[in-house]
Each structure stands twice: as structure tokens, then as C-alpha cells.
Amino acid sequence: MTQPLVHSGEFRQVGKHETPWPSFVFAARNEILTGRTTELGRVIDLVVAQATTLHQRPGIIDEITSRYGLPTDVAQEWLDSVRFAPRGPLDQTLAPTVLDTLRQAGFS
């Protein structure tokens, strides 16, 4: 989370750009995918379960404000904006949009 660095003045926010892809994804080498899919699936299930219940965790706003040094209203705004994609592969129809967005941002 970079918001505390913006708040402290160490970073400066120059804008926001919503991306059409998730902020976090799981990636694995082919050897892992073919040899340890059960274990990988369990890890992903655990992470997804924790992520999807984040909004319901008692005291989560206090935890966020303490861990990241954010004011309560900023932490609440951030939490309200967080959405988790359902488990599964990335929607391949997003690929052209992702590539176009990255090109527009100067990545080629």
C-alpha cells in the first residue's frame, strides 16, 4: 500500500488509473502446475477465503489504520474500494484491454 507514503509526503499522487485486471494474481512455473496442483489449489483456496472475508473481519479498520498509519476515514475508503475477483483463471478477453492500457502507459 502506497497511501501512507503519499500521506507522509514521501510520494506524490499524480493521478489514479483503474485497471481492468486484478491487482494480485497467482503465477506458477509449469513444473509446479503439473506436479503440485493439489497443494497449490489449497494455498489459493486459503488466500481467497481470507480475502473474501476481509470486509467482515471485526476490527479490520483498526488493523489497517495501525499497520499502515492511515486515518480511519482513508482506511475505510480504501476498504470500501477493494474487490476480489472470483477464483479461476484470468478472463482471456481482457488481454487486449490490458495490453492496450499498458501501451498507453508507455510500456511496450
PDB file of N, CA and C in Angstrom:
ATOM      1  N   MET A   1       0.844  -1.174   0.000  1.00  0.00           N
ATOM      2  CA  MET A   1       0.000   0.000   0.000  1.00  0.00           C
ATOM      3  C   MET A   1       0.890   1.238   0.000  1.00  0.00           C
ATOM      4  N   THR A   2       0.677   2.117  -0.947  1.00  0.00           N
ATOM      5  CA  THR A   2       1.497   3.325  -1.061  1.00  0.00           C
ATOM      6  C   THR A   2       0.848   4.544  -0.399  1.00  0.00           C
ATOM      7  N   GLN A   3      -0.409   4.434  -0.002  1.00  0.00           N
ATOM      8  CA  GLN A   3      -1.115   5.580   0.567  1.00  0.00           C
ATOM      9  C   GLN A   3      -0.383   6.208   1.756  1.00  0.00           C
ATOM     10  N   PRO A   4       0.199   5.429   2.669  1.00  0.00           N
ATOM     11  CA  PRO A   4       0.939   6.077   3.769  1.00  0.00           C
ATOM     12  C   PRO A   4       2.107   6.921   3.267  1.00  0.00           C
ATOM     13  N   LEU A   5       2.751   6.510   2.192  1.00  0.00           N
ATOM     14  CA  LEU A   5       3.865   7.284   1.642  1.00  0.00           C
ATOM     15  C   LEU A   5       3.373   8.583   1.005  1.00  0.00           C
ATOM     16  N   VAL A   6       2.184   8.549   0.436  1.00  0.00           N
ATOM     17  CA  VAL A   6       1.582   9.772  -0.106  1.00  0.00           C
ATOM     18  C   VAL A   6       1.222  10.705   1.049  1.00  0.00           C
ATOM     19  N   HIS A   7       0.624  10.137   2.099  1.00  0.00           N
ATOM     20  CA  HIS A   7       0.240  10.936   3.263  1.00  0.00           C
ATOM     21  C   HIS A   7       1.444  11.599   3.924  1.00  0.00           C
ATOM     22  N   SER A   8       2.569  10.903   3.969  1.00  0.00           N
ATOM     23  CA  SER A   8       3.761  11.446   4.628  1.00  0.00           C
ATOM     24  C   SER A   8       4.495  12.460   3.752  1.00  0.00           C
ATOM     25  N   GLY A   9       4.147  12.514   2.454  1.00  0.00           N
ATOM     26  CA  GLY A   9       4.813  13.431   1.546  1.00  0.00           C
ATOM     27  C   GLY A   9       6.003  12.824   0.831  1.00  0.00           C
ATOM     28  N   GLU A  10       6.349  11.581   1.179  1.00  0.00           N
ATOM     29  CA  GLU A  10       7.470  10.921   0.521  1.00  0.00           C
ATOM     30  C   GLU A  10       7.144  10.617  -0.949  1.00  0.00           C
ATOM     31  N   PHE A  11       5.898  10.246  -1.216  1.00  0.00           N
ATOM     32  CA  PHE A  11       5.411  10.046  -2.588  1.00  0.00           C
ATOM     33  C   PHE A  11       4.393  11.130  -2.877  1.00  0.00           C
ATOM     34  N   ARG A  12       4.202  11.405  -4.142  1.00  0.00           N
ATOM     35  CA  ARG A  12       3.177  12.362  -4.561  1.00  0.00           C
ATOM     36  C   ARG A  12       2.238  11.657  -5.520  1.00  0.00           C
ATOM     37  N   GLN A  13       0.948  11.756  -5.263  1.00  0.00           N
ATOM     38  CA  GLN A  13      -0.026  11.143  -6.149  1.00  0.00           C
ATOM     39  C   GLN A  13      -0.224  12.057  -7.346  1.00  0.00           C
ATOM     40  N   VAL A  14      -0.032  11.502  -8.522  1.00  0.00           N
ATOM     41  CA  VAL A  14      -0.194  12.306  -9.736  1.00  0.00           C
ATOM     42  C   VAL A  14      -1.475  11.936 -10.472  1.00  0.00           C
ATOM     43  N   GLY A  15      -2.172  10.925 -10.004  1.00  0.00           N
ATOM     44  CA  GLY A  15      -3.428  10.541 -10.631  1.00  0.00           C
ATOM     45  C   GLY A  15      -3.793   9.126 -10.248  1.00  0.00           C
ATOM     46  N   LYS A  16      -4.964   8.737 -10.696  1.00  0.00           N
ATOM     47  CA  LYS A  16      -5.437   7.375 -10.459  1.00  0.00           C
ATOM     48  C   LYS A  16      -5.853   6.789 -11.793  1.00  0.00           C
ATOM     49  N   HIS A  17      -5.571   5.523 -11.941  1.00  0.00           N
ATOM     50  CA  HIS A  17      -6.000   4.831 -13.156  1.00  0.00           C
ATOM     51  C   HIS A  17      -6.479   3.448 -12.760  1.00  0.00           C
ATOM     52  N   GLU A  18      -7.764   3.225 -12.899  1.00  0.00           N
ATOM     53  CA  GLU A  18      -8.329   1.917 -12.583  1.00  0.00           C
ATOM     54  C   GLU A  18      -7.931   0.943 -13.687  1.00  0.00           C
ATOM     55  N   THR A  19      -7.465  -0.220 -13.287  1.00  0.00           N
ATOM     56  CA  THR A  19      -7.058  -1.225 -14.264  1.00  0.00           C
ATOM     57  C   THR A  19      -8.151  -2.273 -14.427  1.00  0.00           C
ATOM     58  N   PRO A  20      -8.252  -2.850 -15.609  1.00  0.00           N
ATOM     59  CA  PRO A  20      -9.288  -3.868 -15.848  1.00  0.00           C
ATOM     60  C   PRO A  20      -8.848  -5.266 -15.428  1.00  0.00           C
ATOM     61  N   TRP A  21      -7.784  -5.366 -14.657  1.00  0.00           N
ATOM     62  CA  TRP A  21      -7.303  -6.664 -14.214  1.00  0.00           C
ATOM     63  C   TRP A  21      -7.076  -6.613 -12.708  1.00  0.00           C
ATOM     64  N   PRO A  22      -7.021  -7.774 -12.069  1.00  0.00           N
ATOM     65  CA  PRO A  22      -6.812  -7.792 -10.621  1.00  0.00           C
ATOM     66  C   PRO A  22      -5.424  -7.284 -10.240  1.00  0.00           C
ATOM     67  N   SER A  23      -5.328  -6.721  -9.058  1.00  0.00           N
ATOM     68  CA  SER A  23      -4.033  -6.240  -8.576  1.00  0.00           C
ATOM     69  C   SER A  23      -3.110  -7.374  -8.170  1.00  0.00           C
ATOM     70  N   PHE A  24      -3.678  -8.474  -7.760  1.00  0.00           N
ATOM     71  CA  PHE A  24      -2.879  -9.610  -7.315  1.00  0.00           C
ATOM     72  C   PHE A  24      -3.299 -10.852  -8.084  1.00  0.00           C
ATOM     73  N   VAL A  25      -2.339 -11.578  -8.535  1.00  0.00           N
ATOM     74  CA  VAL A  25      -2.610 -12.841  -9.226  1.00  0.00           C
ATOM     75  C   VAL A  25      -1.607 -13.885  -8.727  1.00  0.00           C
ATOM     76  N   PHE A  26      -1.959 -15.126  -8.883  1.00  0.00           N
ATOM     77  CA  PHE A  26      -1.044 -16.216  -8.588  1.00  0.00           C
ATOM     78  C   PHE A  26      -0.395 -16.640  -9.888  1.00  0.00           C
ATOM     79  N   ALA A  27       0.886 -16.843  -9.838  1.00  0.00           N
ATOM     80  CA  ALA A  27       1.613 -17.330 -11.004  1.00  0.00           C
ATOM     81  C   ALA A  27       2.492 -18.485 -10.550  1.00  0.00           C
ATOM     82  N   ALA A  28       2.634 -19.472 -11.410  1.00  0.00           N
ATOM     83  CA  ALA A  28       3.455 -20.631 -11.053  1.00  0.00           C
ATOM     84  C   ALA A  28       4.136 -21.172 -12.296  1.00  0.00           C
ATOM     85  N   ARG A  29       5.311 -21.736 -12.085  1.00  0.00           N
ATOM     86  CA  ARG A  29       6.027 -22.390 -13.178  1.00  0.00           C
ATOM     87  C   ARG A  29       5.287 -23.656 -13.587  1.00  0.00           C
ATOM     88  N   ASN A  30       5.506 -24.101 -14.799  1.00  0.00           N
ATOM     89  CA  ASN A  30       4.855 -25.304 -15.301  1.00  0.00           C
ATOM     90  C   ASN A  30       5.132 -26.519 -14.423  1.00  0.00           C
ATOM     91  N   GLU A  31       6.367 -26.637 -13.884  1.00  0.00           N
ATOM     92  CA  GLU A  31       6.693 -27.784 -13.030  1.00  0.00           C
ATOM     93  C   GLU A  31       5.787 -27.833 -11.794  1.00  0.00           C
ATOM     94  N   ILE A  32       5.466 -26.673 -11.270  1.00  0.00           N
ATOM     95  CA  ILE A  32       4.595 -26.614 -10.091  1.00  0.00           C
ATOM     96  C   ILE A  32       3.168 -26.950 -10.494  1.00  0.00           C
ATOM     97  N   LEU A  33       2.747 -26.421 -11.607  1.00  0.00           N
ATOM     98  CA  LEU A  33       1.375 -26.662 -12.050  1.00  0.00           C
ATOM     99  C   LEU A  33       1.122 -28.136 -12.346  1.00  0.00           C
ATOM    100  N   THR A  34       2.121 -28.830 -12.864  1.00  0.00           N
ATOM    101  CA  THR A  34       1.916 -30.232 -13.206  1.00  0.00           C
ATOM    102  C   THR A  34       2.209 -31.171 -12.049  1.00  0.00           C
ATOM    103  N   GLY A  35       3.034 -30.775 -11.099  1.00  0.00           N
ATOM    104  CA  GLY A  35       3.426 -31.689 -10.046  1.00  0.00           C
ATOM    105  C   GLY A  35       2.788 -31.471  -8.694  1.00  0.00           C
ATOM    106  N   ARG A  36       2.263 -30.278  -8.453  1.00  0.00           N
ATOM    107  CA  ARG A  36       1.757 -29.976  -7.108  1.00  0.00           C
ATOM    108  C   ARG A  36       0.459 -29.184  -7.163  1.00  0.00           C
ATOM    109  N   THR A  37      -0.395 -29.541  -8.082  1.00  0.00           N
ATOM    110  CA  THR A  37      -1.626 -28.774  -8.259  1.00  0.00           C
ATOM    111  C   THR A  37      -2.540 -28.829  -7.044  1.00  0.00           C
ATOM    112  N   THR A  38      -2.553 -29.960  -6.353  1.00  0.00           N
ATOM    113  CA  THR A  38      -3.410 -30.072  -5.167  1.00  0.00           C
ATOM    114  C   THR A  38      -2.967 -29.085  -4.093  1.00  0.00           C
ATOM    115  N   GLU A  39      -1.661 -29.062  -3.816  1.00  0.00           N
ATOM    116  CA  GLU A  39      -1.144 -28.153  -2.797  1.00  0.00           C
ATOM    117  C   GLU A  39      -1.344 -26.700  -3.204  1.00  0.00           C
ATOM    118  N   LEU A  40      -1.086 -26.394  -4.459  1.00  0.00           N
ATOM    119  CA  LEU A  40      -1.276 -25.033  -4.959  1.00  0.00           C
ATOM    120  C   LEU A  40      -2.739 -24.622  -4.833  1.00  0.00           C
ATOM    121  N   GLY A  41      -3.632 -25.530  -5.170  1.00  0.00           N
ATOM    122  CA  GLY A  41      -5.065 -25.252  -5.040  1.00  0.00           C
ATOM    123  C   GLY A  41      -5.465 -24.959  -3.607  1.00  0.00           C
ATOM    124  N   ARG A  42      -4.894 -25.684  -2.656  1.00  0.00           N
ATOM    125  CA  ARG A  42      -5.194 -25.450  -1.238  1.00  0.00           C
ATOM    126  C   ARG A  42      -4.727 -24.069  -0.795  1.00  0.00           C
ATOM    127  N   VAL A  43      -3.529 -23.702  -1.207  1.00  0.00           N
ATOM    128  CA  VAL A  43      -2.999 -22.381  -0.850  1.00  0.00           C
ATOM    129  C   VAL A  43      -3.894 -21.286  -1.431  1.00  0.00           C
ATOM    130  N   ILE A  44      -4.249 -21.429  -2.692  1.00  0.00           N
ATOM    131  CA  ILE A  44      -5.112 -20.426  -3.331  1.00  0.00           C
ATOM    132  C   ILE A  44      -6.455 -20.356  -2.617  1.00  0.00           C
ATOM    133  N   ASP A  45      -7.043 -21.502  -2.287  1.00  0.00           N
ATOM    134  CA  ASP A  45      -8.325 -21.515  -1.579  1.00  0.00           C
ATOM    135  C   ASP A  45      -8.234 -20.783  -0.242  1.00  0.00           C
ATOM    136  N   LEU A  46      -7.138 -20.995   0.489  1.00  0.00           N
ATOM    137  CA  LEU A  46      -6.961 -20.315   1.779  1.00  0.00           C
ATOM    138  C   LEU A  46      -6.852 -18.799   1.616  1.00  0.00           C
ATOM    139  N   VAL A  47      -6.064 -18.381   0.646  1.00  0.00           N
ATOM    140  CA  VAL A  47      -5.890 -16.943   0.414  1.00  0.00           C
ATOM    141  C   VAL A  47      -7.205 -16.305  -0.026  1.00  0.00           C
ATOM    142  N   VAL A  48      -7.901 -16.957  -0.934  1.00  0.00           N
ATOM    143  CA  VAL A  48      -9.190 -16.425  -1.418  1.00  0.00           C
ATOM    144  C   VAL A  48     -10.201 -16.362  -0.275  1.00  0.00           C
ATOM    145  N   ALA A  49     -10.239 -17.391   0.563  1.00  0.00           N
ATOM    146  CA  ALA A  49     -11.172 -17.392   1.696  1.00  0.00           C
ATOM    147  C   ALA A  49     -10.886 -16.223   2.633  1.00  0.00           C
ATOM    148  N   GLN A  50      -9.611 -15.972   2.932  1.00  0.00           N
ATOM    149  CA  GLN A  50      -9.259 -14.852   3.794  1.00  0.00           C
ATOM    150  C   GLN A  50      -9.603 -13.515   3.135  1.00  0.00           C
ATOM    151  N   ALA A  51      -9.302 -13.413   1.864  1.00  0.00           N
ATOM    152  CA  ALA A  51      -9.549 -12.155   1.149  1.00  0.00           C
ATOM    153  C   ALA A  51     -11.032 -11.837   1.057  1.00  0.00           C
ATOM    154  N   THR A  52     -11.849 -12.842   0.785  1.00  0.00           N
ATOM    155  CA  THR A  52     -13.272 -12.577   0.599  1.00  0.00           C
ATOM    156  C   THR A  52     -13.980 -12.247   1.906  1.00  0.00           C
ATOM    157  N   THR A  53     -13.387 -12.614   3.040  1.00  0.00           N
ATOM    158  CA  THR A  53     -14.000 -12.279   4.329  1.00  0.00           C
ATOM    159  C   THR A  53     -13.362 -11.052   4.973  1.00  0.00           C
ATOM    160  N   LEU A  54     -12.432 -10.431   4.284  1.00  0.00           N
ATOM    161  CA  LEU A  54     -11.735  -9.270   4.829  1.00  0.00           C
ATOM    162  C   LEU A  54     -12.702  -8.191   5.300  1.00  0.00           C
ATOM    163  N   HIS A  55     -13.724  -7.917   4.510  1.00  0.00           N
ATOM    164  CA  HIS A  55     -14.664  -6.851   4.844  1.00  0.00           C
ATOM    165  C   HIS A  55     -15.465  -7.143   6.117  1.00  0.00           C
ATOM    166  N   GLN A  56     -15.634  -8.407   6.463  1.00  0.00           N
ATOM    167  CA  GLN A  56     -16.432  -8.773   7.627  1.00  0.00           C
ATOM    168  C   GLN A  56     -15.602  -8.964   8.898  1.00  0.00           C
ATOM    169  N   ARG A  57     -14.291  -8.885   8.790  1.00  0.00           N
ATOM    170  CA  ARG A  57     -13.446  -9.128   9.966  1.00  0.00           C
ATOM    171  C   ARG A  57     -13.631  -8.027  11.000  1.00  0.00           C
ATOM    172  N   PRO A  58     -13.946  -8.426  12.242  1.00  0.00           N
ATOM    173  CA  PRO A  58     -14.065  -7.413  13.302  1.00  0.00           C
ATOM    174  C   PRO A  58     -12.718  -6.704  13.506  1.00  0.00           C
ATOM    175  N   GLY A  59     -12.767  -5.405  13.636  1.00  0.00           N
ATOM    176  CA  GLY A  59     -11.559  -4.645  13.916  1.00  0.00           C
ATOM    177  C   GLY A  59     -10.638  -4.431  12.725  1.00  0.00           C
ATOM    178  N   ILE A  60     -11.108  -4.741  11.521  1.00  0.00           N
ATOM    179  CA  ILE A  60     -10.228  -4.631  10.350  1.00  0.00           C
ATOM    180  C   ILE A  60      -9.811  -3.187  10.095  1.00  0.00           C
ATOM    181  N   ILE A  61     -10.685  -2.234  10.324  1.00  0.00           N
ATOM    182  CA  ILE A  61     -10.318  -0.826  10.105  1.00  0.00           C
ATOM    183  C   ILE A  61      -9.230  -0.415  11.092  1.00  0.00           C
ATOM    184  N   ASP A  62      -9.358  -0.831  12.346  1.00  0.00           N
ATOM    185  CA  ASP A  62      -8.311  -0.528  13.336  1.00  0.00           C
ATOM    186  C   ASP A  62      -6.990  -1.175  12.925  1.00  0.00           C
ATOM    187  N   GLU A  63      -7.053  -2.397  12.417  1.00  0.00           N
ATOM    188  CA  GLU A  63      -5.837  -3.087  11.979  1.00  0.00           C
ATOM    189  C   GLU A  63      -5.165  -2.340  10.819  1.00  0.00           C
ATOM    190  N   ILE A  64      -5.964  -1.900   9.859  1.00  0.00           N
ATOM    191  CA  ILE A  64      -5.430  -1.171   8.700  1.00  0.00           C
ATOM    192  C   ILE A  64      -4.826   0.159   9.141  1.00  0.00           C
ATOM    193  N   THR A  65      -5.533   0.895   9.997  1.00  0.00           N
ATOM    194  CA  THR A  65      -5.013   2.196  10.437  1.00  0.00           C
ATOM    195  C   THR A  65      -3.723   2.028  11.230  1.00  0.00           C
ATOM    196  N   SER A  66      -3.648   0.992  12.051  1.00  0.00           N
ATOM    197  CA  SER A  66      -2.453   0.740  12.847  1.00  0.00           C
ATOM    198  C   SER A  66      -1.274   0.293  11.977  1.00  0.00           C
ATOM    199  N   ARG A  67      -1.546  -0.646  11.097  1.00  0.00           N
ATOM    200  CA  ARG A  67      -0.465  -1.211  10.273  1.00  0.00           C
ATOM    201  C   ARG A  67       0.094  -0.207   9.275  1.00  0.00           C
ATOM    202  N   TYR A  68      -0.791   0.603   8.671  1.00  0.00           N
ATOM    203  CA  TYR A  68      -0.351   1.492   7.599  1.00  0.00           C
ATOM    204  C   TYR A  68      -0.339   2.962   7.976  1.00  0.00           C
ATOM    205  N   GLY A  69      -0.696   3.278   9.214  1.00  0.00           N
ATOM    206  CA  GLY A  69      -0.644   4.661   9.665  1.00  0.00           C
ATOM    207  C   GLY A  69      -1.619   5.571   8.949  1.00  0.00           C
ATOM    208  N   LEU A  70      -2.780   5.046   8.589  1.00  0.00           N
ATOM    209  CA  LEU A  70      -3.779   5.830   7.859  1.00  0.00           C
ATOM    210  C   LEU A  70      -4.856   6.349   8.802  1.00  0.00           C
ATOM    211  N   PRO A  71      -5.420   7.508   8.483  1.00  0.00           N
ATOM    212  CA  PRO A  71      -6.591   7.960   9.232  1.00  0.00           C
ATOM    213  C   PRO A  71      -7.756   6.983   8.987  1.00  0.00           C
ATOM    214  N   THR A  72      -8.659   6.912   9.933  1.00  0.00           N
ATOM    215  CA  THR A  72      -9.777   5.967   9.850  1.00  0.00           C
ATOM    216  C   THR A  72     -10.587   6.155   8.579  1.00  0.00           C
ATOM    217  N   ASP A  73     -10.871   7.411   8.196  1.00  0.00           N
ATOM    218  CA  ASP A  73     -11.693   7.630   7.006  1.00  0.00           C
ATOM    219  C   ASP A  73     -10.989   7.162   5.731  1.00  0.00           C
ATOM    220  N   VAL A  74      -9.676   7.319   5.668  1.00  0.00           N
ATOM    221  CA  VAL A  74      -8.912   6.869   4.499  1.00  0.00           C
ATOM    222  C   VAL A  74      -8.887   5.339   4.452  1.00  0.00           C
ATOM    223  N   ALA A  75      -8.705   4.712   5.606  1.00  0.00           N
ATOM    224  CA  ALA A  75      -8.711   3.247   5.662  1.00  0.00           C
ATOM    225  C   ALA A  75     -10.069   2.698   5.255  1.00  0.00           C
ATOM    226  N   GLN A  76     -11.137   3.332   5.713  1.00  0.00           N
ATOM    227  CA  GLN A  76     -12.483   2.886   5.355  1.00  0.00           C
ATOM    228  C   GLN A  76     -12.737   3.057   3.860  1.00  0.00           C
ATOM    229  N   GLU A  77     -12.303   4.185   3.319  1.00  0.00           N
ATOM    230  CA  GLU A  77     -12.460   4.427   1.880  1.00  0.00           C
ATOM    231  C   GLU A  77     -11.709   3.374   1.071  1.00  0.00           C
ATOM    232  N   TRP A  78     -10.483   3.049   1.506  1.00  0.00           N
ATOM    233  CA  TRP A  78      -9.704   2.028   0.808  1.00  0.00           C
ATOM    234  C   TRP A  78     -10.420   0.688   0.876  1.00  0.00           C
ATOM    235  N   LEU A  79     -10.863   0.298   2.069  1.00  0.00           N
ATOM    236  CA  LEU A  79     -11.536  -0.995   2.228  1.00  0.00           C
ATOM    237  C   LEU A  79     -12.804  -1.065   1.384  1.00  0.00           C
ATOM    238  N   ASP A  80     -13.546   0.027   1.337  1.00  0.00           N
ATOM    239  CA  ASP A  80     -14.762   0.062   0.526  1.00  0.00           C
ATOM    240  C   ASP A  80     -14.465  -0.106  -0.964  1.00  0.00           C
ATOM    241  N   SER A  81     -13.269   0.287  -1.381  1.00  0.00           N
ATOM    242  CA  SER A  81     -12.925   0.206  -2.804  1.00  0.00           C
ATOM    243  C   SER A  81     -12.348  -1.145  -3.216  1.00  0.00           C
ATOM    244  N   VAL A  82     -11.988  -1.977  -2.231  1.00  0.00           N
ATOM    245  CA  VAL A  82     -11.345  -3.261  -2.522  1.00  0.00           C
ATOM    246  C   VAL A  82     -12.387  -4.291  -2.926  1.00  0.00           C
ATOM    247  N   ARG A  83     -12.141  -4.917  -4.059  1.00  0.00           N
ATOM    248  CA  ARG A  83     -12.990  -6.006  -4.549  1.00  0.00           C
ATOM    249  C   ARG A  83     -12.089  -7.155  -4.949  1.00  0.00           C
ATOM    250  N   PHE A  84     -12.519  -8.369  -4.678  1.00  0.00           N
ATOM    251  CA  PHE A  84     -11.753  -9.548  -5.028  1.00  0.00           C
ATOM    252  C   PHE A  84     -12.460 -10.309  -6.132  1.00  0.00           C
ATOM    253  N   ALA A  85     -11.693 -10.664  -7.140  1.00  0.00           N
ATOM    254  CA  ALA A  85     -12.234 -11.435  -8.259  1.00  0.00           C
ATOM    255  C   ALA A  85     -12.489 -12.857  -7.793  1.00  0.00           C
ATOM    256  N   PRO A  86     -13.453 -13.523  -8.400  1.00  0.00           N
ATOM    257  CA  PRO A  86     -13.676 -14.919  -8.046  1.00  0.00           C
ATOM    258  C   PRO A  86     -12.481 -15.773  -8.450  1.00  0.00           C
ATOM    259  N   ARG A  87     -12.360 -16.917  -7.805  1.00  0.00           N
ATOM    260  CA  ARG A  87     -11.245 -17.818  -8.112  1.00  0.00           C
ATOM    261  C   ARG A  87     -11.396 -18.346  -9.529  1.00  0.00           C
ATOM    262  N   GLY A  88     -10.286 -18.450 -10.200  1.00  0.00           N
ATOM    263  CA  GLY A  88     -10.280 -19.001 -11.543  1.00  0.00           C
ATOM    264  C   GLY A  88      -9.267 -18.279 -12.390  1.00  0.00           C
ATOM    265  N   PRO A  89      -9.097 -18.749 -13.596  1.00  0.00           N
ATOM    266  CA  PRO A  89      -8.113 -18.106 -14.473  1.00  0.00           C
ATOM    267  C   PRO A  89      -8.564 -16.708 -14.877  1.00  0.00           C
ATOM    268  N   LEU A  90      -7.594 -15.892 -15.219  1.00  0.00           N
ATOM    269  CA  LEU A  90      -7.871 -14.542 -15.691  1.00  0.00           C
ATOM    270  C   LEU A  90      -8.684 -14.614 -16.978  1.00  0.00           C
ATOM    271  N   ASP A  91      -9.689 -13.805 -17.080  1.00  0.00           N
ATOM    272  CA  ASP A  91     -10.543 -13.767 -18.265  1.00  0.00           C
ATOM    273  C   ASP A  91      -9.701 -13.372 -19.478  1.00  0.00           C
ATOM    274  N   GLN A  92      -9.546 -14.272 -20.414  1.00  0.00           N
ATOM    275  CA  GLN A  92      -8.689 -14.038 -21.574  1.00  0.00           C
ATOM    276  C   GLN A  92      -9.210 -12.939 -22.490  1.00  0.00           C
ATOM    277  N   THR A  93     -10.484 -12.588 -22.384  1.00  0.00           N
ATOM    278  CA  THR A  93     -10.999 -11.491 -23.207  1.00  0.00           C
ATOM    279  C   THR A  93     -10.460 -10.146 -22.737  1.00  0.00           C
ATOM    280  N   LEU A  94      -9.863 -10.114 -21.532  1.00  0.00           N
ATOM    281  CA  LEU A  94      -9.268  -8.880 -21.025  1.00  0.00           C
ATOM    282  C   LEU A  94      -7.896  -8.594 -21.628  1.00  0.00           C
ATOM    283  N   ALA A  95      -7.268  -9.605 -22.208  1.00  0.00           N
ATOM    284  CA  ALA A  95      -5.890  -9.446 -22.701  1.00  0.00           C
ATOM    285  C   ALA A  95      -5.717  -8.232 -23.620  1.00  0.00           C
ATOM    286  N   PRO A  96      -6.561  -8.037 -24.628  1.00  0.00           N
ATOM    287  CA  PRO A  96      -6.373  -6.852 -25.485  1.00  0.00           C
ATOM    288  C   PRO A  96      -6.478  -5.538 -24.714  1.00  0.00           C
ATOM    289  N   THR A  97      -7.401  -5.466 -23.759  1.00  0.00           N
ATOM    290  CA  THR A  97      -7.560  -4.249 -22.962  1.00  0.00           C
ATOM    291  C   THR A  97      -6.336  -4.019 -22.087  1.00  0.00           C
ATOM    292  N   VAL A  98      -5.835  -5.088 -21.478  1.00  0.00           N
ATOM    293  CA  VAL A  98      -4.649  -4.990 -20.635  1.00  0.00           C
ATOM    294  C   VAL A  98      -3.464  -4.496 -21.459  1.00  0.00           C
ATOM    295  N   LEU A  99      -3.236  -5.109 -22.607  1.00  0.00           N
ATOM    296  CA  LEU A  99      -2.106  -4.717 -23.463  1.00  0.00           C
ATOM    297  C   LEU A  99      -2.245  -3.271 -23.923  1.00  0.00           C
ATOM    298  N   ASP A 100      -3.448  -2.870 -24.306  1.00  0.00           N
ATOM    299  CA  ASP A 100      -3.658  -1.501 -24.760  1.00  0.00           C
ATOM    300  C   ASP A 100      -3.399  -0.505 -23.625  1.00  0.00           C
ATOM    301  N   THR A 101      -3.873  -0.821 -22.426  1.00  0.00           N
ATOM    302  CA  THR A 101      -3.649   0.045 -21.271  1.00  0.00           C
ATOM    303  C   THR A 101      -2.163   0.191 -20.966  1.00  0.00           C
ATOM    304  N   LEU A 102      -1.438  -0.933 -21.022  1.00  0.00           N
ATOM    305  CA  LEU A 102      -0.006  -0.885 -20.756  1.00  0.00           C
ATOM    306  C   LEU A 102       0.728  -0.083 -21.828  1.00  0.00           C
ATOM    307  N   ARG A 103       0.335  -0.231 -23.072  1.00  0.00           N
ATOM    308  CA  ARG A 103       0.958   0.562 -24.151  1.00  0.00           C
ATOM    309  C   ARG A 103       0.704   2.054 -23.955  1.00  0.00           C
ATOM    310  N   GLN A 104      -0.518   2.406 -23.591  1.00  0.00           N
ATOM    311  CA  GLN A 104      -0.854   3.811 -23.364  1.00  0.00           C
ATOM    312  C   GLN A 104      -0.052   4.393 -22.190  1.00  0.00           C
ATOM    313  N   ALA A 105       0.298   3.524 -21.237  1.00  0.00           N
ATOM    314  CA  ALA A 105       1.082   3.952 -20.081  1.00  0.00           C
ATOM    315  C   ALA A 105       2.578   4.012 -20.396  1.00  0.00           C
ATOM    316  N   GLY A 106       2.942   3.639 -21.619  1.00  0.00           N
ATOM    317  CA  GLY A 106       4.342   3.733 -22.018  1.00  0.00           C
ATOM    318  C   GLY A 106       5.122   2.438 -21.965  1.00  0.00           C
ATOM    319  N   PHE A 107       4.447   1.338 -21.687  1.00  0.00           N
ATOM    320  CA  PHE A 107       5.112   0.039 -21.678  1.00  0.00           C
ATOM    321  C   PHE A 107       4.920  -0.617 -23.040  1.00  0.00           C
ATOM    322  N   SER A 108       5.981  -1.162 -23.574  1.00  0.00           N
ATOM    323  CA  SER A 108       5.816  -1.829 -24.873  1.00  0.00           C
ATOM    324  C   SER A 108       6.461  -3.181 -24.875  1.00  0.00           C
TER     325      SER A 108
END
